Amino acid sequence: TRRAPDVAVILGDHFEELKNAKVIPIIPEIAAEVLSPTETPRMIHRKLKQYFAAGVKEVWLIDPDVREIEIWKGPSLPDPVLASGDVLVSALLPGFALPLKELFA
């Protein structure tokens, strides 16, 4: 199974590997998925399991309808849900901070 997240964060210098790639051959550290109304909880859980089995360290599930983000660091339970007044940060991205009100503006 090949997954393609909506946004993939790949850390390190992989320019040459990615230069002409049509398919990204590197497992990202962070995979972000923007949820659609047609996705069932079962479909989402399956994606999570596949991402973590492949070696992804974090998965961000972004729900634009309710303007929330779930941060998953493993396939069992997410960290607390982030809502409009919160700021998205990750230990994998030192110095990165994205206020959700800006993301969902």
PDB file of N, CA and C in Angstrom:
ATOM      1  N   THR A   1       0.844  -1.179   0.000  1.00  0.00           N
ATOM      2  CA  THR A   1       0.000   0.000   0.000  1.00  0.00           C
ATOM      3  C   THR A   1       0.886   1.236   0.000  1.00  0.00           C
ATOM      4  N   ARG A   2       0.569   2.172  -0.837  1.00  0.00           N
ATOM      5  CA  ARG A   2       1.322   3.421  -0.901  1.00  0.00           C
ATOM      6  C   ARG A   2       0.394   4.541  -0.462  1.00  0.00           C
ATOM      7  N   ARG A   3       0.827   5.291   0.523  1.00  0.00           N
ATOM      8  CA  ARG A   3       0.040   6.411   1.039  1.00  0.00           C
ATOM      9  C   ARG A   3       0.669   7.725   0.614  1.00  0.00           C
ATOM     10  N   ALA A   4      -0.148   8.711   0.369  1.00  0.00           N
ATOM     11  CA  ALA A   4       0.308  10.054   0.035  1.00  0.00           C
ATOM     12  C   ALA A   4      -0.460  11.049   0.896  1.00  0.00           C
ATOM     13  N   PRO A   5       0.151  11.500   1.994  1.00  0.00           N
ATOM     14  CA  PRO A   5      -0.556  12.462   2.850  1.00  0.00           C
ATOM     15  C   PRO A   5      -0.744  13.790   2.124  1.00  0.00           C
ATOM     16  N   ASP A   6      -1.646  14.603   2.643  1.00  0.00           N
ATOM     17  CA  ASP A   6      -1.874  15.922   2.053  1.00  0.00           C
ATOM     18  C   ASP A   6      -0.628  16.796   2.204  1.00  0.00           C
ATOM     19  N   VAL A   7       0.061  16.654   3.338  1.00  0.00           N
ATOM     20  CA  VAL A   7       1.327  17.349   3.576  1.00  0.00           C
ATOM     21  C   VAL A   7       2.272  16.354   4.223  1.00  0.00           C
ATOM     22  N   ALA A   8       3.514  16.313   3.722  1.00  0.00           N
ATOM     23  CA  ALA A   8       4.543  15.453   4.300  1.00  0.00           C
ATOM     24  C   ALA A   8       5.720  16.317   4.712  1.00  0.00           C
ATOM     25  N   VAL A   9       6.208  16.130   5.938  1.00  0.00           N
ATOM     26  CA  VAL A   9       7.376  16.851   6.420  1.00  0.00           C
ATOM     27  C   VAL A   9       8.527  15.853   6.472  1.00  0.00           C
ATOM     28  N   ILE A  10       9.539  16.124   5.638  1.00  0.00           N
ATOM     29  CA  ILE A  10      10.728  15.272   5.573  1.00  0.00           C
ATOM     30  C   ILE A  10      11.897  16.110   6.076  1.00  0.00           C
ATOM     31  N   LEU A  11      12.503  15.673   7.159  1.00  0.00           N
ATOM     32  CA  LEU A  11      13.607  16.424   7.754  1.00  0.00           C
ATOM     33  C   LEU A  11      14.941  15.968   7.172  1.00  0.00           C
ATOM     34  N   GLY A  12      15.908  16.857   7.186  1.00  0.00           N
ATOM     35  CA  GLY A  12      17.239  16.521   6.699  1.00  0.00           C
ATOM     36  C   GLY A  12      17.417  16.947   5.252  1.00  0.00           C
ATOM     37  N   ASP A  13      18.603  16.700   4.734  1.00  0.00           N
ATOM     38  CA  ASP A  13      18.947  17.097   3.375  1.00  0.00           C
ATOM     39  C   ASP A  13      18.713  15.932   2.423  1.00  0.00           C
ATOM     40  N   HIS A  14      17.579  15.965   1.734  1.00  0.00           N
ATOM     41  CA  HIS A  14      17.215  14.906   0.785  1.00  0.00           C
ATOM     42  C   HIS A  14      16.977  15.478  -0.611  1.00  0.00           C
ATOM     43  N   PHE A  15      17.576  16.638  -0.889  1.00  0.00           N
ATOM     44  CA  PHE A  15      17.320  17.316  -2.157  1.00  0.00           C
ATOM     45  C   PHE A  15      17.598  16.420  -3.359  1.00  0.00           C
ATOM     46  N   GLU A  16      18.761  15.780  -3.370  1.00  0.00           N
ATOM     47  CA  GLU A  16      19.121  14.955  -4.530  1.00  0.00           C
ATOM     48  C   GLU A  16      18.161  13.779  -4.707  1.00  0.00           C
ATOM     49  N   GLU A  17      17.738  13.164  -3.603  1.00  0.00           N
ATOM     50  CA  GLU A  17      16.811  12.030  -3.688  1.00  0.00           C
ATOM     51  C   GLU A  17      15.437  12.448  -4.217  1.00  0.00           C
ATOM     52  N   LEU A  18      15.050  13.677  -3.918  1.00  0.00           N
ATOM     53  CA  LEU A  18      13.709  14.145  -4.273  1.00  0.00           C
ATOM     54  C   LEU A  18      13.670  14.982  -5.549  1.00  0.00           C
ATOM     55  N   LYS A  19      14.824  15.332  -6.074  1.00  0.00           N
ATOM     56  CA  LYS A  19      14.950  16.265  -7.183  1.00  0.00           C
ATOM     57  C   LYS A  19      13.992  15.975  -8.340  1.00  0.00           C
ATOM     58  N   ASN A  20      13.970  14.801  -8.873  1.00  0.00           N
ATOM     59  CA  ASN A  20      13.104  14.472 -10.010  1.00  0.00           C
ATOM     60  C   ASN A  20      12.104  13.366  -9.681  1.00  0.00           C
ATOM     61  N   ALA A  21      11.857  13.156  -8.412  1.00  0.00           N
ATOM     62  CA  ALA A  21      10.985  12.056  -7.985  1.00  0.00           C
ATOM     63  C   ALA A  21       9.533  12.337  -8.332  1.00  0.00           C
ATOM     64  N   LYS A  22       8.887  11.353  -8.925  1.00  0.00           N
ATOM     65  CA  LYS A  22       7.444  11.438  -9.165  1.00  0.00           C
ATOM     66  C   LYS A  22       6.696  10.842  -7.971  1.00  0.00           C
ATOM     67  N   VAL A  23       7.346   9.896  -7.328  1.00  0.00           N
ATOM     68  CA  VAL A  23       6.844   9.301  -6.096  1.00  0.00           C
ATOM     69  C   VAL A  23       7.920   9.522  -5.045  1.00  0.00           C
ATOM     70  N   ILE A  24       7.549  10.031  -3.894  1.00  0.00           N
ATOM     71  CA  ILE A  24       8.525  10.321  -2.850  1.00  0.00           C
ATOM     72  C   ILE A  24       8.987   9.003  -2.227  1.00  0.00           C
ATOM     73  N   PRO A  25      10.301   8.702  -2.318  1.00  0.00           N
ATOM     74  CA  PRO A  25      10.816   7.424  -1.819  1.00  0.00           C
ATOM     75  C   PRO A  25      11.226   7.447  -0.349  1.00  0.00           C
ATOM     76  N   ILE A  26      10.887   8.513   0.371  1.00  0.00           N
ATOM     77  CA  ILE A  26      11.324   8.692   1.757  1.00  0.00           C
ATOM     78  C   ILE A  26      10.107   8.732   2.668  1.00  0.00           C
ATOM     79  N   ILE A  27      10.208   8.061   3.802  1.00  0.00           N
ATOM     80  CA  ILE A  27       9.121   8.114   4.801  1.00  0.00           C
ATOM     81  C   ILE A  27       9.221   9.460   5.522  1.00  0.00           C
ATOM     82  N   PRO A  28       8.142  10.239   5.552  1.00  0.00           N
ATOM     83  CA  PRO A  28       8.209  11.532   6.240  1.00  0.00           C
ATOM     84  C   PRO A  28       8.188  11.355   7.760  1.00  0.00           C
ATOM     85  N   GLU A  29       8.733  12.334   8.447  1.00  0.00           N
ATOM     86  CA  GLU A  29       8.637  12.337   9.911  1.00  0.00           C
ATOM     87  C   GLU A  29       7.212  12.687  10.341  1.00  0.00           C
ATOM     88  N   ILE A  30       6.592  13.615   9.612  1.00  0.00           N
ATOM     89  CA  ILE A  30       5.224  14.050   9.927  1.00  0.00           C
ATOM     90  C   ILE A  30       4.361  13.905   8.675  1.00  0.00           C
ATOM     91  N   ALA A  31       3.186  13.311   8.848  1.00  0.00           N
ATOM     92  CA  ALA A  31       2.195  13.220   7.778  1.00  0.00           C
ATOM     93  C   ALA A  31       0.955  13.982   8.253  1.00  0.00           C
ATOM     94  N   ALA A  32       0.483  14.903   7.428  1.00  0.00           N
ATOM     95  CA  ALA A  32      -0.720  15.665   7.773  1.00  0.00           C
ATOM     96  C   ALA A  32      -1.828  15.294   6.793  1.00  0.00           C
ATOM     97  N   GLU A  33      -2.984  14.975   7.340  1.00  0.00           N
ATOM     98  CA  GLU A  33      -4.162  14.610   6.545  1.00  0.00           C
ATOM     99  C   GLU A  33      -5.278  15.605   6.825  1.00  0.00           C
ATOM    100  N   VAL A  34      -5.815  16.186   5.770  1.00  0.00           N
ATOM    101  CA  VAL A  34      -7.005  17.034   5.884  1.00  0.00           C
ATOM    102  C   VAL A  34      -8.198  16.110   5.695  1.00  0.00           C
ATOM    103  N   LEU A  35      -9.008  15.983   6.727  1.00  0.00           N
ATOM    104  CA  LEU A  35     -10.134  15.048   6.696  1.00  0.00           C
ATOM    105  C   LEU A  35     -11.245  15.551   5.780  1.00  0.00           C
ATOM    106  N   SER A  36     -11.850  14.613   5.097  1.00  0.00           N
ATOM    107  CA  SER A  36     -12.994  14.950   4.249  1.00  0.00           C
ATOM    108  C   SER A  36     -14.245  14.311   4.845  1.00  0.00           C
ATOM    109  N   PRO A  37     -15.410  14.850   4.537  1.00  0.00           N
ATOM    110  CA  PRO A  37     -16.653  14.308   5.095  1.00  0.00           C
ATOM    111  C   PRO A  37     -16.921  12.860   4.696  1.00  0.00           C
ATOM    112  N   THR A  38     -16.304  12.401   3.615  1.00  0.00           N
ATOM    113  CA  THR A  38     -16.565  11.031   3.157  1.00  0.00           C
ATOM    114  C   THR A  38     -15.708   9.990   3.871  1.00  0.00           C
ATOM    115  N   GLU A  39     -14.709  10.419   4.634  1.00  0.00           N
ATOM    116  CA  GLU A  39     -13.850   9.463   5.332  1.00  0.00           C
ATOM    117  C   GLU A  39     -14.526   8.965   6.604  1.00  0.00           C
ATOM    118  N   THR A  40     -14.550   7.661   6.747  1.00  0.00           N
ATOM    119  CA  THR A  40     -15.134   7.044   7.938  1.00  0.00           C
ATOM    120  C   THR A  40     -14.048   6.896   9.006  1.00  0.00           C
ATOM    121  N   PRO A  41     -14.444   6.773  10.277  1.00  0.00           N
ATOM    122  CA  PRO A  41     -13.445   6.520  11.324  1.00  0.00           C
ATOM    123  C   PRO A  41     -12.588   5.295  11.020  1.00  0.00           C
ATOM    124  N   ARG A  42     -13.187   4.277  10.436  1.00  0.00           N
ATOM    125  CA  ARG A  42     -12.429   3.068  10.098  1.00  0.00           C
ATOM    126  C   ARG A  42     -11.343   3.370   9.059  1.00  0.00           C
ATOM    127  N   MET A  43     -11.669   4.165   8.049  1.00  0.00           N
ATOM    128  CA  MET A  43     -10.690   4.543   7.029  1.00  0.00           C
ATOM    129  C   MET A  43      -9.543   5.345   7.647  1.00  0.00           C
ATOM    130  N   ILE A  44      -9.874   6.261   8.522  1.00  0.00           N
ATOM    131  CA  ILE A  44      -8.873   7.101   9.169  1.00  0.00           C
ATOM    132  C   ILE A  44      -7.958   6.249  10.051  1.00  0.00           C
ATOM    133  N   HIS A  45      -8.538   5.362  10.831  1.00  0.00           N
ATOM    134  CA  HIS A  45      -7.745   4.503  11.707  1.00  0.00           C
ATOM    135  C   HIS A  45      -6.797   3.612  10.894  1.00  0.00           C
ATOM    136  N   ARG A  46      -7.274   3.135   9.762  1.00  0.00           N
ATOM    137  CA  ARG A  46      -6.431   2.306   8.887  1.00  0.00           C
ATOM    138  C   ARG A  46      -5.231   3.109   8.374  1.00  0.00           C
ATOM    139  N   LYS A  47      -5.475   4.359   7.961  1.00  0.00           N
ATOM    140  CA  LYS A  47      -4.380   5.218   7.518  1.00  0.00           C
ATOM    141  C   LYS A  47      -3.361   5.424   8.635  1.00  0.00           C
ATOM    142  N   LEU A  48      -3.863   5.706   9.845  1.00  0.00           N
ATOM    143  CA  LEU A  48      -2.964   5.917  10.984  1.00  0.00           C
ATOM    144  C   LEU A  48      -2.066   4.708  11.203  1.00  0.00           C
ATOM    145  N   LYS A  49      -2.651   3.534  11.231  1.00  0.00           N
ATOM    146  CA  LYS A  49      -1.876   2.314  11.441  1.00  0.00           C
ATOM    147  C   LYS A  49      -0.823   2.139  10.353  1.00  0.00           C
ATOM    148  N   GLN A  50      -1.183   2.411   9.118  1.00  0.00           N
ATOM    149  CA  GLN A  50      -0.239   2.260   8.013  1.00  0.00           C
ATOM    150  C   GLN A  50       0.891   3.280   8.101  1.00  0.00           C
ATOM    151  N   TYR A  51       0.577   4.508   8.442  1.00  0.00           N
ATOM    152  CA  TYR A  51       1.620   5.522   8.594  1.00  0.00           C
ATOM    153  C   TYR A  51       2.623   5.115   9.672  1.00  0.00           C
ATOM    154  N   PHE A  52       2.129   4.722  10.834  1.00  0.00           N
ATOM    155  CA  PHE A  52       3.034   4.379  11.932  1.00  0.00           C
ATOM    156  C   PHE A  52       3.806   3.093  11.642  1.00  0.00           C
ATOM    157  N   ALA A  53       3.195   2.144  10.988  1.00  0.00           N
ATOM    158  CA  ALA A  53       3.898   0.909  10.610  1.00  0.00           C
ATOM    159  C   ALA A  53       5.036   1.220   9.633  1.00  0.00           C
ATOM    160  N   ALA A  54       4.870   2.253   8.809  1.00  0.00           N
ATOM    161  CA  ALA A  54       5.895   2.632   7.836  1.00  0.00           C
ATOM    162  C   ALA A  54       7.035   3.421   8.467  1.00  0.00           C
ATOM    163  N   GLY A  55       6.809   3.982   9.671  1.00  0.00           N
ATOM    164  CA  GLY A  55       7.870   4.729  10.341  1.00  0.00           C
ATOM    165  C   GLY A  55       7.609   6.209  10.542  1.00  0.00           C
ATOM    166  N   VAL A  56       6.414   6.683  10.196  1.00  0.00           N
ATOM    167  CA  VAL A  56       6.059   8.082  10.451  1.00  0.00           C
ATOM    168  C   VAL A  56       6.051   8.296  11.966  1.00  0.00           C
ATOM    169  N   LYS A  57       6.560   9.460  12.413  1.00  0.00           N
ATOM    170  CA  LYS A  57       6.645   9.731  13.852  1.00  0.00           C
ATOM    171  C   LYS A  57       5.435  10.468  14.409  1.00  0.00           C
ATOM    172  N   GLU A  58       4.810  11.312  13.575  1.00  0.00           N
ATOM    173  CA  GLU A  58       3.609  12.047  13.979  1.00  0.00           C
ATOM    174  C   GLU A  58       2.640  12.107  12.818  1.00  0.00           C
ATOM    175  N   VAL A  59       1.352  12.071  13.153  1.00  0.00           N
ATOM    176  CA  VAL A  59       0.307  12.289  12.148  1.00  0.00           C
ATOM    177  C   VAL A  59      -0.596  13.401  12.682  1.00  0.00           C
ATOM    178  N   TRP A  60      -0.819  14.388  11.837  1.00  0.00           N
ATOM    179  CA  TRP A  60      -1.732  15.475  12.174  1.00  0.00           C
ATOM    180  C   TRP A  60      -3.020  15.260  11.381  1.00  0.00           C
ATOM    181  N   LEU A  61      -4.124  15.054  12.089  1.00  0.00           N
ATOM    182  CA  LEU A  61      -5.433  14.941  11.448  1.00  0.00           C
ATOM    183  C   LEU A  61      -6.118  16.296  11.561  1.00  0.00           C
ATOM    184  N   ILE A  62      -6.288  16.937  10.435  1.00  0.00           N
ATOM    185  CA  ILE A  62      -6.834  18.290  10.393  1.00  0.00           C
ATOM    186  C   ILE A  62      -8.286  18.213   9.944  1.00  0.00           C
ATOM    187  N   ASP A  63      -9.180  18.691  10.806  1.00  0.00           N
ATOM    188  CA  ASP A  63     -10.616  18.671  10.495  1.00  0.00           C
ATOM    189  C   ASP A  63     -11.081  20.099  10.250  1.00  0.00           C
ATOM    190  N   PRO A  64     -11.167  20.509   8.982  1.00  0.00           N
ATOM    191  CA  PRO A  64     -11.550  21.892   8.689  1.00  0.00           C
ATOM    192  C   PRO A  64     -12.999  22.222   9.052  1.00  0.00           C
ATOM    193  N   ASP A  65     -13.859  21.218   9.109  1.00  0.00           N
ATOM    194  CA  ASP A  65     -15.268  21.485   9.432  1.00  0.00           C
ATOM    195  C   ASP A  65     -15.437  21.981  10.862  1.00  0.00           C
ATOM    196  N   VAL A  66     -14.706  21.387  11.800  1.00  0.00           N
ATOM    197  CA  VAL A  66     -14.818  21.802  13.204  1.00  0.00           C
ATOM    198  C   VAL A  66     -13.611  22.617  13.654  1.00  0.00           C
ATOM    199  N   ARG A  67     -12.668  22.842  12.710  1.00  0.00           N
ATOM    200  CA  ARG A  67     -11.467  23.640  12.968  1.00  0.00           C
ATOM    201  C   ARG A  67     -10.663  23.103  14.147  1.00  0.00           C
ATOM    202  N   GLU A  68     -10.353  21.812  14.068  1.00  0.00           N
ATOM    203  CA  GLU A  68      -9.571  21.143  15.106  1.00  0.00           C
ATOM    204  C   GLU A  68      -8.478  20.294  14.469  1.00  0.00           C
ATOM    205  N   ILE A  69      -7.438  20.022  15.269  1.00  0.00           N
ATOM    206  CA  ILE A  69      -6.351  19.145  14.837  1.00  0.00           C
ATOM    207  C   ILE A  69      -6.071  18.140  15.949  1.00  0.00           C
ATOM    208  N   GLU A  70      -5.981  16.873  15.562  1.00  0.00           N
ATOM    209  CA  GLU A  70      -5.537  15.827  16.472  1.00  0.00           C
ATOM    210  C   GLU A  70      -4.087  15.510  16.120  1.00  0.00           C
ATOM    211  N   ILE A  71      -3.226  15.483  17.127  1.00  0.00           N
ATOM    212  CA  ILE A  71      -1.825  15.119  16.941  1.00  0.00           C
ATOM    213  C   ILE A  71      -1.648  13.698  17.454  1.00  0.00           C
ATOM    214  N   TRP A  72      -1.270  12.795  16.560  1.00  0.00           N
ATOM    215  CA  TRP A  72      -1.046  11.394  16.913  1.00  0.00           C
ATOM    216  C   TRP A  72       0.445  11.113  16.904  1.00  0.00           C
ATOM    217  N   LYS A  73       0.957  10.508  17.980  1.00  0.00           N
ATOM    218  CA  LYS A  73       2.368  10.126  18.068  1.00  0.00           C
ATOM    219  C   LYS A  73       2.508   8.618  18.113  1.00  0.00           C
ATOM    220  N   GLY A  74       1.421   7.935  17.896  1.00  0.00           N
ATOM    221  CA  GLY A  74       1.344   6.484  17.864  1.00  0.00           C
ATOM    222  C   GLY A  74      -0.071   6.112  17.487  1.00  0.00           C
ATOM    223  N   PRO A  75      -0.306   4.849  17.158  1.00  0.00           N
ATOM    224  CA  PRO A  75      -1.620   4.465  16.647  1.00  0.00           C
ATOM    225  C   PRO A  75      -2.716   4.304  17.699  1.00  0.00           C
ATOM    226  N   SER A  76      -2.407   4.475  18.994  1.00  0.00           N
ATOM    227  CA  SER A  76      -3.430   4.183  19.992  1.00  0.00           C
ATOM    228  C   SER A  76      -4.323   5.363  20.358  1.00  0.00           C
ATOM    229  N   LEU A  77      -3.762   6.453  20.895  1.00  0.00           N
ATOM    230  CA  LEU A  77      -4.577   7.596  21.310  1.00  0.00           C
ATOM    231  C   LEU A  77      -3.879   8.894  20.935  1.00  0.00           C
ATOM    232  N   PRO A  78      -4.650   9.913  20.520  1.00  0.00           N
ATOM    233  CA  PRO A  78      -4.012  11.190  20.179  1.00  0.00           C
ATOM    234  C   PRO A  78      -3.710  12.005  21.428  1.00  0.00           C
ATOM    235  N   ASP A  79      -2.853  13.017  21.270  1.00  0.00           N
ATOM    236  CA  ASP A  79      -2.680  14.025  22.301  1.00  0.00           C
ATOM    237  C   ASP A  79      -4.000  14.794  22.377  1.00  0.00           C
ATOM    238  N   PRO A  80      -4.164  15.659  23.370  1.00  0.00           N
ATOM    239  CA  PRO A  80      -5.410  16.436  23.411  1.00  0.00           C
ATOM    240  C   PRO A  80      -5.647  17.162  22.091  1.00  0.00           C
ATOM    241  N   VAL A  81      -6.904  17.307  21.731  1.00  0.00           N
ATOM    242  CA  VAL A  81      -7.294  17.963  20.473  1.00  0.00           C
ATOM    243  C   VAL A  81      -7.002  19.456  20.571  1.00  0.00           C
ATOM    244  N   LEU A  82      -6.430  20.001  19.496  1.00  0.00           N
ATOM    245  CA  LEU A  82      -6.177  21.437  19.433  1.00  0.00           C
ATOM    246  C   LEU A  82      -7.362  22.119  18.762  1.00  0.00           C
ATOM    247  N   ALA A  83      -7.773  23.257  19.312  1.00  0.00           N
ATOM    248  CA  ALA A  83      -8.902  24.010  18.761  1.00  0.00           C
ATOM    249  C   ALA A  83      -8.457  25.434  18.431  1.00  0.00           C
ATOM    250  N   SER A  84      -9.401  26.283  18.076  1.00  0.00           N
ATOM    251  CA  SER A  84      -9.124  27.599  17.491  1.00  0.00           C
ATOM    252  C   SER A  84      -8.158  28.491  18.275  1.00  0.00           C
ATOM    253  N   GLY A  85      -8.160  28.471  19.576  1.00  0.00           N
ATOM    254  CA  GLY A  85      -7.273  29.332  20.355  1.00  0.00           C
ATOM    255  C   GLY A  85      -5.904  28.734  20.603  1.00  0.00           C
ATOM    256  N   ASP A  86      -5.662  27.511  20.135  1.00  0.00           N
ATOM    257  CA  ASP A  86      -4.410  26.806  20.395  1.00  0.00           C
ATOM    258  C   ASP A  86      -3.373  27.078  19.310  1.00  0.00           C
ATOM    259  N   VAL A  87      -2.141  26.638  19.595  1.00  0.00           N
ATOM    260  CA  VAL A  87      -1.031  26.775  18.662  1.00  0.00           C
ATOM    261  C   VAL A  87      -0.472  25.392  18.385  1.00  0.00           C
ATOM    262  N   LEU A  88      -0.301  25.064  17.109  1.00  0.00           N
ATOM    263  CA  LEU A  88       0.270  23.784  16.700  1.00  0.00           C
ATOM    264  C   LEU A  88       1.784  23.864  16.801  1.00  0.00           C
ATOM    265  N   VAL A  89       2.372  22.989  17.636  1.00  0.00           N
ATOM    266  CA  VAL A  89       3.824  22.872  17.774  1.00  0.00           C
ATOM    267  C   VAL A  89       4.180  21.398  17.714  1.00  0.00           C
ATOM    268  N   SER A  90       5.451  21.122  17.448  1.00  0.00           N
ATOM    269  CA  SER A  90       5.924  19.744  17.412  1.00  0.00           C
ATOM    270  C   SER A  90       7.365  19.715  17.890  1.00  0.00           C
ATOM    271  N   ALA A  91       7.697  18.742  18.724  1.00  0.00           N
ATOM    272  CA  ALA A  91       9.074  18.555  19.164  1.00  0.00           C
ATOM    273  C   ALA A  91       9.980  18.230  17.977  1.00  0.00           C
ATOM    274  N   LEU A  92       9.405  17.717  16.906  1.00  0.00           N
ATOM    275  CA  LEU A  92      10.186  17.396  15.705  1.00  0.00           C
ATOM    276  C   LEU A  92      10.574  18.643  14.916  1.00  0.00           C
ATOM    277  N   LEU A  93       9.895  19.770  15.183  1.00  0.00           N
ATOM    278  CA  LEU A  93      10.138  21.020  14.453  1.00  0.00           C
ATOM    279  C   LEU A  93      10.424  22.160  15.428  1.00  0.00           C
ATOM    280  N   PRO A  94      11.623  22.171  16.026  1.00  0.00           N
ATOM    281  CA  PRO A  94      11.939  23.235  16.998  1.00  0.00           C
ATOM    282  C   PRO A  94      11.752  24.624  16.383  1.00  0.00           C
ATOM    283  N   GLY A  95      11.058  25.476  17.113  1.00  0.00           N
ATOM    284  CA  GLY A  95      10.823  26.839  16.656  1.00  0.00           C
ATOM    285  C   GLY A  95       9.567  27.013  15.809  1.00  0.00           C
ATOM    286  N   PHE A  96       8.962  25.907  15.377  1.00  0.00           N
ATOM    287  CA  PHE A  96       7.734  25.982  14.579  1.00  0.00           C
ATOM    288  C   PHE A  96       6.545  26.188  15.504  1.00  0.00           C
ATOM    289  N   ALA A  97       5.709  27.159  15.192  1.00  0.00           N
ATOM    290  CA  ALA A  97       4.479  27.415  15.946  1.00  0.00           C
ATOM    291  C   ALA A  97       3.454  28.017  14.989  1.00  0.00           C
ATOM    292  N   LEU A  98       2.331  27.348  14.834  1.00  0.00           N
ATOM    293  CA  LEU A  98       1.284  27.806  13.930  1.00  0.00           C
ATOM    294  C   LEU A  98      -0.020  27.983  14.700  1.00  0.00           C
ATOM    295  N   PRO A  99      -0.437  29.225  14.931  1.00  0.00           N
ATOM    296  CA  PRO A  99      -1.734  29.445  15.581  1.00  0.00           C
ATOM    297  C   PRO A  99      -2.858  28.899  14.698  1.00  0.00           C
ATOM    298  N   LEU A 100      -3.753  28.113  15.294  1.00  0.00           N
ATOM    299  CA  LEU A 100      -4.832  27.519  14.513  1.00  0.00           C
ATOM    300  C   LEU A 100      -5.761  28.561  13.918  1.00  0.00           C
ATOM    301  N   LYS A 101      -5.927  29.703  14.592  1.00  0.00           N
ATOM    302  CA  LYS A 101      -6.802  30.733  14.015  1.00  0.00           C
ATOM    303  C   LYS A 101      -6.240  31.236  12.699  1.00  0.00           C
ATOM    304  N   GLU A 102      -4.899  31.208  12.529  1.00  0.00           N
ATOM    305  CA  GLU A 102      -4.299  31.586  11.242  1.00  0.00           C
ATOM    306  C   GLU A 102      -4.478  30.478  10.212  1.00  0.00           C
ATOM    307  N   LEU A 103      -4.306  29.238  10.648  1.00  0.00           N
ATOM    308  CA  LEU A 103      -4.451  28.097   9.742  1.00  0.00           C
ATOM    309  C   LEU A 103      -5.855  28.038   9.154  1.00  0.00           C
ATOM    310  N   PHE A 104      -6.857  28.265   9.985  1.00  0.00           N
ATOM    311  CA  PHE A 104      -8.240  28.123   9.558  1.00  0.00           C
ATOM    312  C   PHE A 104      -8.872  29.447   9.093  1.00  0.00           C
ATOM    313  N   ALA A 105      -8.047  30.507   8.964  1.00  0.00           N
ATOM    314  CA  ALA A 105      -8.571  31.822   8.541  1.00  0.00           C
ATOM    315  C   ALA A 105      -8.996  31.785   7.080  1.00  0.00           C
TER     316      ALA A 105
END
